[in-house]
Amino acid sequence: MKSNPATRPIEEEPTLRRTPSQKRSRERVEHILSCATRLIEERGSDAMRMSEVAEMAGISIGSLYQYFPDKAAMVRILAERYNAASRDCIASEFAKVTTLAELRSAFSALFDTYYDMFLAEPVMRDIWSAMQADKTLREIELVESRANGKLLAETWARVAPETPREKIENAAFLIMHLGECTMRLAVSVDRPEGDRIVKTYERMILREFVADAT
């Protein structure tokens, strides 16, 4: 599940000022994002400055602005890439599920893995915190919750076809969105309390699966 968003290939980034078509330009954008990631890891996105990114990347500030209109654009791209990596992982794990019991196990394992990733990667934690202060990033988070909720709902409906689809879809969206909120809370407190929060959330969600199976 672990993936470095700064190294994911460019296809079409909506927050880029211009989408690079030549290999050299694509490599430059990836290098810029890699530098931004290092600075966020060291100091946080709030303290990061466009001039620092340009200096670390070895380019002029004018060249940097050719690709990124502002710092928020870089953060948004990194957030979207983290989301894409997470979504791919969820889809891959859910594709293996054939029973409700397997779905419960897969969900619990995914959530534990995601928690470990956030504890290990300060950039992910910083970007999640930044989401709460930026309206566009909050919208990205909501879209991501819906997308992940759809993945959960489709798998849930497949293994529990007797459960009304509308009930599944509403619950799946809520489960995934509350999972984001739970993760943010868990990584903002000390590790023992964070561990308890994560396990409490998992128990609550797994009871929801059991209730619907019954």
Foldseek 3Di string as FASTA:
>chain_A
DDDQLLPDFDDDQPQWLDDDDDPVVRVLSSLLLVLQLVCCQVPRLVPDALCSSCVVSVHDSVVVCNTHVGSVSSLLSRVVSVLVVLLVVLLVCLVPDQALVSLLVSVLVSLVVVLVNCLVRVSNLRSLVVLVVDPVSVVVLLVSLLSQLVSSLVSLCNRQVVFDSVVSSVLSSVLSSVSSVLSNVLNVDDPVVSVVSSVVSSVVVSVVSVVRND
